[in-house]
Amino acid sequence: MIHHLAPNGKLGLVLATGALSTQSSGEGVIRKDIIEVDLVEGIVAMPTQLFYSVTIPVTLWFITKGKKQKGKTLFIDARKMGYMVDRKHRDFTDEDIAKIADTFTAFQNGTLENVKGFCAVATTQDIAKQDYILTPGRYVGIEEQEDDGEPFEEKMTRLTSELSEMFAKSHELEDEIRKKLGAIGYEI
């Protein structure tokens, strides 16, 4: 497919997540080569259950000849995006789609700021240091959790106490259920 691209052609691919990192059957060499010739413009990790026939997570690959941001690749981790339409199928809202598209546009325009846990720009050298593995999580990192200001020891004491109270309530409910079942002729 890359061979058939025009001099400034673009290609979008949907690939299994394994293609980001596998080394079997020469895939690692192919991935390294397309990175080294600066064709990978962006990688988007998608959530599971987007397709009716396949539940595995996939990735979107954007291959571009003549990229605006030479020597750079955009990584987006969209695995937490979308909503469940039903218990088997996930979909994106218009806002989700716009967020991904706007992120890509900002990258192309050179105005994107990395957002921990969502998007990051990596250079070809950064990717080489990661052995040419394109898993977005390696580049975007983990989103920062807001500190609630409660010291760890106090929080653990409080949470342990709450858990103890819940266990006690659980035992009370268990006894109540045993009594109700006994009243109707069933013993546990």
C-alpha atoms as a PDB file:
ATOM      1  CA  MET A   1       0.000   0.000   0.000  1.00  0.00           C
ATOM      2  CA  ILE A   2       2.825   2.392   0.861  1.00  0.00           C
ATOM      3  CA  HIS A   3       4.451   1.640  -2.491  1.00  0.00           C
ATOM      4  CA  HIS A   4       1.333   2.892  -4.299  1.00  0.00           C
ATOM      5  CA  LEU A   5       1.119   6.221  -2.444  1.00  0.00           C
ATOM      6  CA  ALA A   6       1.552   9.414  -4.463  1.00  0.00           C
ATOM      7  CA  PRO A   7       4.534  11.637  -3.519  1.00  0.00           C
ATOM      8  CA  ASN A   8       2.357  13.462  -0.969  1.00  0.00           C
ATOM      9  CA  GLY A   9      -0.095  10.612  -0.422  1.00  0.00           C
ATOM     10  CA  LYS A  10      -1.771   9.620   2.815  1.00  0.00           C
ATOM     11  CA  LEU A  11      -2.887   6.223   4.024  1.00  0.00           C
ATOM     12  CA  GLY A  12      -5.040   5.255   6.973  1.00  0.00           C
ATOM     13  CA  LEU A  13      -4.899   1.699   8.275  1.00  0.00           C
ATOM     14  CA  VAL A  14      -6.816  -0.201  10.929  1.00  0.00           C
ATOM     15  CA  LEU A  15      -4.497  -2.838  12.379  1.00  0.00           C
ATOM     16  CA  ALA A  16      -4.550  -5.213  15.315  1.00  0.00           C
ATOM     17  CA  THR A  17      -2.764  -3.790  18.347  1.00  0.00           C
ATOM     18  CA  GLY A  18      -0.073  -6.455  18.049  1.00  0.00           C
ATOM     19  CA  ALA A  19       1.283  -4.728  14.936  1.00  0.00           C
ATOM     20  CA  LEU A  20       2.611  -1.952  17.204  1.00  0.00           C
ATOM     21  CA  SER A  21       5.172  -4.180  18.862  1.00  0.00           C
ATOM     22  CA  THR A  22       5.463  -7.674  17.397  1.00  0.00           C
ATOM     23  CA  GLN A  23       8.836  -8.803  16.107  1.00  0.00           C
ATOM     24  CA  SER A  24       7.680 -12.002  14.384  1.00  0.00           C
ATOM     25  CA  SER A  25       7.735 -12.583  10.605  1.00  0.00           C
ATOM     26  CA  GLY A  26       9.922  -9.531  10.039  1.00  0.00           C
ATOM     27  CA  GLU A  27       7.239  -7.133  11.305  1.00  0.00           C
ATOM     28  CA  GLY A  28       9.729  -5.349  13.567  1.00  0.00           C
ATOM     29  CA  VAL A  29      12.045  -4.722  10.617  1.00  0.00           C
ATOM     30  CA  ILE A  30       9.181  -3.410   8.466  1.00  0.00           C
ATOM     31  CA  ARG A  31       8.014  -1.121  11.282  1.00  0.00           C
ATOM     32  CA  LYS A  32      11.563   0.177  11.805  1.00  0.00           C
ATOM     33  CA  ASP A  33      11.954   0.870   8.087  1.00  0.00           C
ATOM     34  CA  ILE A  34       8.732   2.873   7.740  1.00  0.00           C
ATOM     35  CA  ILE A  35       9.642   4.860  10.866  1.00  0.00           C
ATOM     36  CA  GLU A  36      13.192   5.528   9.689  1.00  0.00           C
ATOM     37  CA  VAL A  37      11.939   6.886   6.334  1.00  0.00           C
ATOM     38  CA  ASP A  38       9.564   9.146   8.309  1.00  0.00           C
ATOM     39  CA  LEU A  39       6.235   7.827   7.054  1.00  0.00           C
ATOM     40  CA  VAL A  40       4.356   7.265  10.338  1.00  0.00           C
ATOM     41  CA  GLU A  41       2.485  10.487  11.052  1.00  0.00           C
ATOM     42  CA  GLY A  42       0.251   9.197  13.813  1.00  0.00           C
ATOM     43  CA  ILE A  43      -0.877   6.190  15.816  1.00  0.00           C
ATOM     44  CA  VAL A  44      -4.200   6.093  17.671  1.00  0.00           C
ATOM     45  CA  ALA A  45      -4.917   3.288  20.153  1.00  0.00           C
ATOM     46  CA  MET A  46      -8.640   2.561  20.036  1.00  0.00           C
ATOM     47  CA  PRO A  47     -10.856   0.903  22.651  1.00  0.00           C
ATOM     48  CA  THR A  48     -12.300  -2.586  22.400  1.00  0.00           C
ATOM     49  CA  GLN A  49     -15.718  -3.440  20.981  1.00  0.00           C
ATOM     50  CA  LEU A  50     -15.829  -0.802  18.235  1.00  0.00           C
ATOM     51  CA  PHE A  51     -16.753  -3.316  15.557  1.00  0.00           C
ATOM     52  CA  TYR A  52     -19.692  -5.690  15.518  1.00  0.00           C
ATOM     53  CA  SER A  53     -17.647  -8.611  14.227  1.00  0.00           C
ATOM     54  CA  VAL A  54     -14.425  -8.097  16.220  1.00  0.00           C
ATOM     55  CA  THR A  55     -14.107  -7.222  19.913  1.00  0.00           C
ATOM     56  CA  ILE A  56     -10.315  -6.841  20.070  1.00  0.00           C
ATOM     57  CA  PRO A  57      -8.736  -3.402  20.394  1.00  0.00           C
ATOM     58  CA  VAL A  58      -7.284  -1.961  17.214  1.00  0.00           C
ATOM     59  CA  THR A  59      -5.022   0.892  16.277  1.00  0.00           C
ATOM     60  CA  LEU A  60      -5.291   3.483  13.568  1.00  0.00           C
ATOM     61  CA  TRP A  61      -2.088   4.107  11.650  1.00  0.00           C
ATOM     62  CA  PHE A  62      -1.692   7.269   9.599  1.00  0.00           C
ATOM     63  CA  ILE A  63       1.046   6.903   7.000  1.00  0.00           C
ATOM     64  CA  THR A  64       1.946  10.114   5.167  1.00  0.00           C
ATOM     65  CA  LYS A  65       4.503  10.934   2.519  1.00  0.00           C
ATOM     66  CA  GLY A  66       5.662  14.535   2.871  1.00  0.00           C
ATOM     67  CA  LYS A  67       4.588  14.997   6.517  1.00  0.00           C
ATOM     68  CA  LYS A  68       4.256  18.553   7.824  1.00  0.00           C
ATOM     69  CA  GLN A  69       6.042  17.631  11.069  1.00  0.00           C
ATOM     70  CA  LYS A  70       9.210  15.999   9.791  1.00  0.00           C
ATOM     71  CA  GLY A  71      10.845  13.480  12.117  1.00  0.00           C
ATOM     72  CA  LYS A  72       7.880  13.482  14.511  1.00  0.00           C
ATOM     73  CA  THR A  73       4.987  11.112  15.182  1.00  0.00           C
ATOM     74  CA  LEU A  74       1.776  11.782  17.080  1.00  0.00           C
ATOM     75  CA  PHE A  75       0.573   9.189  19.583  1.00  0.00           C
ATOM     76  CA  ILE A  76      -3.002   9.250  20.896  1.00  0.00           C
ATOM     77  CA  ASP A  77      -4.369   6.872  23.512  1.00  0.00           C
ATOM     78  CA  ALA A  78      -8.142   6.826  22.938  1.00  0.00           C
ATOM     79  CA  ARG A  79      -8.733   3.505  24.727  1.00  0.00           C
ATOM     80  CA  LYS A  80     -10.869   5.146  27.432  1.00  0.00           C
ATOM     81  CA  MET A  81     -12.983   7.131  24.998  1.00  0.00           C
ATOM     82  CA  GLY A  82     -16.429   6.300  23.702  1.00  0.00           C
ATOM     83  CA  TYR A  83     -19.487   4.840  25.378  1.00  0.00           C
ATOM     84  CA  MET A  84     -21.189   1.461  25.355  1.00  0.00           C
ATOM     85  CA  VAL A  85     -24.190   1.416  22.989  1.00  0.00           C
ATOM     86  CA  ASP A  86     -25.099  -1.959  24.406  1.00  0.00           C
ATOM     87  CA  ARG A  87     -23.120  -4.602  26.256  1.00  0.00           C
ATOM     88  CA  LYS A  88     -21.300  -5.696  23.092  1.00  0.00           C
ATOM     89  CA  HIS A  89     -20.716  -2.520  21.099  1.00  0.00           C
ATOM     90  CA  ARG A  90     -18.894   0.746  21.792  1.00  0.00           C
ATOM     91  CA  ASP A  91     -19.254   3.970  19.825  1.00  0.00           C
ATOM     92  CA  PHE A  92     -17.696   7.435  19.870  1.00  0.00           C
ATOM     93  CA  THR A  93     -19.590  10.644  20.486  1.00  0.00           C
ATOM     94  CA  ASP A  94     -19.180  13.551  18.088  1.00  0.00           C
ATOM     95  CA  GLU A  95     -17.105  15.212  20.824  1.00  0.00           C
ATOM     96  CA  ASP A  96     -14.766  12.198  21.011  1.00  0.00           C
ATOM     97  CA  ILE A  97     -14.229  12.286  17.259  1.00  0.00           C
ATOM     98  CA  ALA A  98     -13.668  16.050  17.312  1.00  0.00           C
ATOM     99  CA  LYS A  99     -11.142  15.733  20.135  1.00  0.00           C
ATOM    100  CA  ILE A 100      -9.077  13.217  18.188  1.00  0.00           C
ATOM    101  CA  ALA A 101      -9.365  15.209  14.935  1.00  0.00           C
ATOM    102  CA  ASP A 102      -8.500  18.502  16.658  1.00  0.00           C
ATOM    103  CA  THR A 103      -5.496  16.863  18.322  1.00  0.00           C
ATOM    104  CA  PHE A 104      -4.268  15.636  14.955  1.00  0.00           C
ATOM    105  CA  THR A 105      -4.777  19.075  13.377  1.00  0.00           C
ATOM    106  CA  ALA A 106      -2.900  20.799  16.212  1.00  0.00           C
ATOM    107  CA  PHE A 107      -0.039  18.329  15.748  1.00  0.00           C
ATOM    108  CA  GLN A 108       0.107  19.014  12.014  1.00  0.00           C
ATOM    109  CA  ASN A 109       0.105  22.748  12.683  1.00  0.00           C
ATOM    110  CA  GLY A 110       2.859  22.418  15.277  1.00  0.00           C
ATOM    111  CA  THR A 111       0.696  23.823  18.086  1.00  0.00           C
ATOM    112  CA  LEU A 112      -0.025  20.630  20.039  1.00  0.00           C
ATOM    113  CA  GLU A 113       0.913  20.369  23.686  1.00  0.00           C
ATOM    114  CA  ASN A 114       1.326  16.886  25.125  1.00  0.00           C
ATOM    115  CA  VAL A 115      -1.480  15.769  27.451  1.00  0.00           C
ATOM    116  CA  LYS A 116      -0.357  13.119  29.935  1.00  0.00           C
ATOM    117  CA  GLY A 117      -2.363   9.945  29.384  1.00  0.00           C
ATOM    118  CA  PHE A 118      -3.889  11.122  26.086  1.00  0.00           C
ATOM    119  CA  CYS A 119      -1.439  12.440  23.499  1.00  0.00           C
ATOM    120  CA  ALA A 120       2.255  12.995  22.917  1.00  0.00           C
ATOM    121  CA  VAL A 121       4.609  13.836  20.090  1.00  0.00           C
ATOM    122  CA  ALA A 122       7.703  11.660  19.770  1.00  0.00           C
ATOM    123  CA  THR A 123      10.712  12.119  17.542  1.00  0.00           C
ATOM    124  CA  THR A 124      12.162   9.362  15.415  1.00  0.00           C
ATOM    125  CA  GLN A 125      15.007   9.205  17.964  1.00  0.00           C
ATOM    126  CA  ASP A 126      12.511   8.755  20.815  1.00  0.00           C
ATOM    127  CA  ILE A 127      10.904   5.872  18.924  1.00  0.00           C
ATOM    128  CA  ALA A 128      14.296   4.301  18.188  1.00  0.00           C
ATOM    129  CA  LYS A 129      15.054   4.358  21.938  1.00  0.00           C
ATOM    130  CA  GLN A 130      11.854   2.332  22.418  1.00  0.00           C
ATOM    131  CA  ASP A 131      13.100  -0.281  19.902  1.00  0.00           C
ATOM    132  CA  TYR A 132      10.632   1.028  17.292  1.00  0.00           C
ATOM    133  CA  ILE A 133       7.646  -0.098  19.331  1.00  0.00           C
ATOM    134  CA  LEU A 134       4.691   2.169  18.600  1.00  0.00           C
ATOM    135  CA  THR A 135       2.417   1.468  21.568  1.00  0.00           C
ATOM    136  CA  PRO A 136       0.967   4.906  22.466  1.00  0.00           C
ATOM    137  CA  GLY A 137       1.092   4.223  26.216  1.00  0.00           C
ATOM    138  CA  ARG A 138       4.891   4.248  26.075  1.00  0.00           C
ATOM    139  CA  TYR A 139       4.829   7.819  24.863  1.00  0.00           C
ATOM    140  CA  VAL A 140       1.730   9.405  26.402  1.00  0.00           C
ATOM    141  CA  GLY A 141       2.274   7.962  29.877  1.00  0.00           C
ATOM    142  CA  ILE A 142      -0.374   7.774  32.572  1.00  0.00           C
ATOM    143  CA  GLU A 143      -2.732  10.656  33.189  1.00  0.00           C
ATOM    144  CA  GLU A 144      -2.010  12.525  36.374  1.00  0.00           C
ATOM    145  CA  GLN A 145      -4.363  11.892  39.248  1.00  0.00           C
ATOM    146  CA  GLU A 146      -5.518  14.899  41.187  1.00  0.00           C
ATOM    147  CA  ASP A 147      -4.119  14.941  44.718  1.00  0.00           C
ATOM    148  CA  ASP A 148      -6.969  15.190  47.196  1.00  0.00           C
ATOM    149  CA  GLY A 149      -4.628  16.613  49.856  1.00  0.00           C
ATOM    150  CA  GLU A 150      -5.345  13.839  52.372  1.00  0.00           C
ATOM    151  CA  PRO A 151      -2.088  12.364  53.699  1.00  0.00           C
ATOM    152  CA  PHE A 152      -1.580   8.704  52.812  1.00  0.00           C
ATOM    153  CA  GLU A 153      -1.527   7.398  56.397  1.00  0.00           C
ATOM    154  CA  GLU A 154      -4.756   9.232  57.269  1.00  0.00           C
ATOM    155  CA  LYS A 155      -6.430   8.011  54.093  1.00  0.00           C
ATOM    156  CA  MET A 156      -5.438   4.391  54.742  1.00  0.00           C
ATOM    157  CA  THR A 157      -6.662   4.603  58.357  1.00  0.00           C
ATOM    158  CA  ARG A 158      -9.979   6.069  57.198  1.00  0.00           C
ATOM    159  CA  LEU A 159     -10.438   3.559  54.374  1.00  0.00           C
ATOM    160  CA  THR A 160      -9.520   0.597  56.587  1.00  0.00           C
ATOM    161  CA  SER A 161     -12.056   1.758  59.171  1.00  0.00           C
ATOM    162  CA  GLU A 162     -14.748   2.133  56.482  1.00  0.00           C
ATOM    163  CA  LEU A 163     -13.953  -1.346  55.168  1.00  0.00           C
ATOM    164  CA  SER A 164     -14.210  -2.792  58.669  1.00  0.00           C
ATOM    165  CA  GLU A 165     -17.648  -1.193  59.070  1.00  0.00           C
ATOM    166  CA  MET A 166     -18.742  -2.628  55.712  1.00  0.00           C
ATOM    167  CA  PHE A 167     -17.568  -6.109  56.737  1.00  0.00           C
ATOM    168  CA  ALA A 168     -19.580  -5.837  59.982  1.00  0.00           C
ATOM    169  CA  LYS A 169     -22.678  -4.737  58.028  1.00  0.00           C
ATOM    170  CA  SER A 170     -22.103  -7.623  55.596  1.00  0.00           C
ATOM    171  CA  HIS A 171     -22.123 -10.117  58.483  1.00  0.00           C
ATOM    172  CA  GLU A 172     -25.331  -8.579  59.870  1.00  0.00           C
ATOM    173  CA  LEU A 173     -27.005  -8.916  56.476  1.00  0.00           C
ATOM    174  CA  GLU A 174     -25.751 -12.482  56.136  1.00  0.00           C
ATOM    175  CA  ASP A 175     -27.287 -13.381  59.517  1.00  0.00           C
ATOM    176  CA  GLU A 176     -30.556 -11.694  58.535  1.00  0.00           C
ATOM    177  CA  ILE A 177     -30.700 -13.666  55.275  1.00  0.00           C
ATOM    178  CA  ARG A 178     -30.047 -16.925  57.152  1.00  0.00           C
ATOM    179  CA  LYS A 179     -32.931 -16.132  59.555  1.00  0.00           C
ATOM    180  CA  LYS A 180     -35.339 -15.274  56.705  1.00  0.00           C
ATOM    181  CA  LEU A 181     -34.455 -18.448  54.807  1.00  0.00           C
ATOM    182  CA  GLY A 182     -34.819 -20.486  58.042  1.00  0.00           C
ATOM    183  CA  ALA A 183     -38.255 -18.954  58.598  1.00  0.00           C
ATOM    184  CA  ILE A 184     -39.455 -20.344  55.279  1.00  0.00           C
ATOM    185  CA  GLY A 185     -37.874 -23.763  55.790  1.00  0.00           C
ATOM    186  CA  TYR A 186     -34.449 -23.413  54.228  1.00  0.00           C
ATOM    187  CA  GLU A 187     -31.317 -23.785  56.305  1.00  0.00           C
ATOM    188  CA  ILE A 188     -27.874 -22.669  55.197  1.00  0.00           C
END
